[in-house]
C-alpha atoms as a PDB file:
ATOM      1  CA  UNK A   1      14.611   3.752  -1.464  1.00  0.00           C
ATOM      2  CA  UNK A   2      13.488   3.999  -5.023  1.00  0.00           C
ATOM      3  CA  UNK A   3      10.205   2.116  -4.081  1.00  0.00           C
ATOM      4  CA  UNK A   4       8.272   0.167  -1.588  1.00  0.00           C
ATOM      5  CA  UNK A   5       5.303  -1.856  -0.848  1.00  0.00           C
ATOM      6  CA  UNK A   6       3.124  -2.437   2.013  1.00  0.00           C
ATOM      7  CA  UNK A   7       1.317  -5.363   2.882  1.00  0.00           C
ATOM      8  CA  UNK A   8      -1.506  -5.258   5.542  1.00  0.00           C
ATOM      9  CA  UNK A   9       0.823  -2.575   7.161  1.00  0.00           C
ATOM     10  CA  UNK A  10      -0.517  -0.461  10.085  1.00  0.00           C
ATOM     11  CA  UNK A  11       0.769   2.671   9.619  1.00  0.00           C
ATOM     12  CA  UNK A  12      -0.220   5.890  11.306  1.00  0.00           C
ATOM     13  CA  UNK A  13      -1.428   8.707   8.817  1.00  0.00           C
ATOM     14  CA  UNK A  14       0.598  11.098  10.408  1.00  0.00           C
ATOM     15  CA  UNK A  15       3.631   9.427   8.440  1.00  0.00           C
ATOM     16  CA  UNK A  16       2.094  10.467   5.503  1.00  0.00           C
ATOM     17  CA  UNK A  17       3.699  13.100   4.604  1.00  0.00           C
ATOM     18  CA  UNK A  18       7.123  11.205   4.847  1.00  0.00           C
ATOM     19  CA  UNK A  19       6.277   9.006   2.174  1.00  0.00           C
ATOM     20  CA  UNK A  20       5.263  11.692  -0.609  1.00  0.00           C
ATOM     21  CA  UNK A  21       8.471  11.284  -2.430  1.00  0.00           C
ATOM     22  CA  UNK A  22       8.708   7.447  -2.571  1.00  0.00           C
ATOM     23  CA  UNK A  23       6.797   5.341  -4.974  1.00  0.00           C
ATOM     24  CA  UNK A  24       4.604   3.404  -2.970  1.00  0.00           C
ATOM     25  CA  UNK A  25       1.945   0.283  -3.453  1.00  0.00           C
ATOM     26  CA  UNK A  26      -0.168  -0.751  -0.793  1.00  0.00           C
ATOM     27  CA  UNK A  27      -2.124  -3.556  -0.271  1.00  0.00           C
ATOM     28  CA  UNK A  28      -4.526  -5.012   2.143  1.00  0.00           C
ATOM     29  CA  UNK A  29      -7.260  -7.623   2.816  1.00  0.00           C
ATOM     30  CA  UNK A  30     -11.120  -6.083   3.083  1.00  0.00           C
ATOM     31  CA  UNK A  31     -11.820  -8.377   5.938  1.00  0.00           C
ATOM     32  CA  UNK A  32      -8.557  -8.099   7.577  1.00  0.00           C
ATOM     33  CA  UNK A  33      -9.112  -9.440  11.471  1.00  0.00           C
ATOM     34  CA  UNK A  34      -5.630  -8.709  12.789  1.00  0.00           C
ATOM     35  CA  UNK A  35      -4.736  -4.957  11.296  1.00  0.00           C
ATOM     36  CA  UNK A  36      -7.680  -2.795  10.428  1.00  0.00           C
ATOM     37  CA  UNK A  37      -8.121  -2.411   6.629  1.00  0.00           C
ATOM     38  CA  UNK A  38      -8.893   1.178   7.631  1.00  0.00           C
ATOM     39  CA  UNK A  39      -4.925   1.618   8.412  1.00  0.00           C
ATOM     40  CA  UNK A  40      -4.297   1.710   4.886  1.00  0.00           C
ATOM     41  CA  UNK A  41      -7.327   3.156   3.418  1.00  0.00           C
ATOM     42  CA  UNK A  42      -6.780   6.268   5.197  1.00  0.00           C
ATOM     43  CA  UNK A  43      -2.854   6.009   4.682  1.00  0.00           C
ATOM     44  CA  UNK A  44      -3.483   6.231   0.944  1.00  0.00           C
ATOM     45  CA  UNK A  45      -6.264   9.044   1.027  1.00  0.00           C
ATOM     46  CA  UNK A  46      -3.736  11.003   3.229  1.00  0.00           C
ATOM     47  CA  UNK A  47      -0.837  10.758   0.538  1.00  0.00           C
ATOM     48  CA  UNK A  48      -3.005  11.840  -2.194  1.00  0.00           C
ATOM     49  CA  UNK A  49      -4.732  14.615  -0.196  1.00  0.00           C
ATOM     50  CA  UNK A  50      -1.058  15.855   0.418  1.00  0.00           C
ATOM     51  CA  UNK A  51      -0.800  15.884  -3.346  1.00  0.00           C
ATOM     52  CA  UNK A  52       1.128  12.123  -3.345  1.00  0.00           C
ATOM     53  CA  UNK A  53       0.908  11.262  -7.140  1.00  0.00           C
ATOM     54  CA  UNK A  54       2.722   7.900  -7.208  1.00  0.00           C
ATOM     55  CA  UNK A  55       0.862   5.752  -4.687  1.00  0.00           C
ATOM     56  CA  UNK A  56      -1.421   3.225  -5.770  1.00  0.00           C
ATOM     57  CA  UNK A  57      -4.035   1.088  -3.528  1.00  0.00           C
ATOM     58  CA  UNK A  58      -5.252  -2.413  -4.020  1.00  0.00           C
ATOM     59  CA  UNK A  59      -7.567  -3.762  -1.763  1.00  0.00           C
ATOM     60  CA  UNK A  60      -9.003  -7.778  -2.050  1.00  0.00           C
ATOM     61  CA  UNK A  61     -12.478  -7.972  -1.629  1.00  0.00           C
ATOM     62  CA  UNK A  62     -13.300 -11.057   1.391  1.00  0.00           C
ATOM     63  CA  UNK A  63      -9.285 -11.504   2.316  1.00  0.00           C
ATOM     64  CA  UNK A  64      -8.708 -11.587   5.897  1.00  0.00           C
ATOM     65  CA  UNK A  65      -5.062 -11.013   7.103  1.00  0.00           C
ATOM     66  CA  UNK A  66      -3.739 -13.402   4.706  1.00  0.00           C
ATOM     67  CA  UNK A  67      -3.160 -10.915   1.858  1.00  0.00           C
ATOM     68  CA  UNK A  68       0.578 -11.593   1.023  1.00  0.00           C
ATOM     69  CA  UNK A  69      -0.743 -14.850  -0.719  1.00  0.00           C
ATOM     70  CA  UNK A  70      -2.989 -12.567  -3.216  1.00  0.00           C
ATOM     71  CA  UNK A  71       0.318 -10.248  -3.422  1.00  0.00           C
ATOM     72  CA  UNK A  72       2.731 -12.841  -4.478  1.00  0.00           C
ATOM     73  CA  UNK A  73       0.369 -13.419  -7.400  1.00  0.00           C
ATOM     74  CA  UNK A  74       0.114  -9.536  -8.690  1.00  0.00           C
ATOM     75  CA  UNK A  75       2.073 -10.162 -12.075  1.00  0.00           C
ATOM     76  CA  UNK A  76       2.586  -6.319 -12.178  1.00  0.00           C
ATOM     77  CA  UNK A  77       4.304  -5.935  -9.130  1.00  0.00           C
ATOM     78  CA  UNK A  78       7.708  -6.948  -9.870  1.00  0.00           C
ATOM     79  CA  UNK A  79       7.630  -4.695 -12.995  1.00  0.00           C
ATOM     80  CA  UNK A  80       6.507  -1.697 -11.040  1.00  0.00           C
ATOM     81  CA  UNK A  81       9.149  -2.121  -8.325  1.00  0.00           C
ATOM     82  CA  UNK A  82      11.650  -2.716 -10.501  1.00  0.00           C
ATOM     83  CA  UNK A  83      10.717   0.222 -12.650  1.00  0.00           C
ATOM     84  CA  UNK A  84      11.343   2.955 -10.410  1.00  0.00           C
ATOM     85  CA  UNK A  85      14.327   4.859  -9.985  1.00  0.00           C
ATOM     86  CA  UNK A  86      15.414   7.204  -7.213  1.00  0.00           C
END
C-alpha cells in the first residue's frame, strides 16, 4: 500500500515497527467506549519513537466510537491519501 488510515483501531504497539515505511493517518474519538483511545495514542507515539516521520494523528474531543463520522468529513484526507506514492 502507498498509504493507509486507521479509524478507532486497536493495534498493539508491537506492530509499530512494521508501519514505519507506510504513510499512516490515525483517527480516534477521545471518549471511545469500545476501543480505548490509548491504543491509537500509544501506537502513534511508538511510531514516532522508532523514527517514523510520515504518521499523522487526529483525536476528536468528546467523540465516542463513532469517529468514522468525523473522518468522513475530513476535507484533507482524500488529498493526503492519494498524494502518497510507493
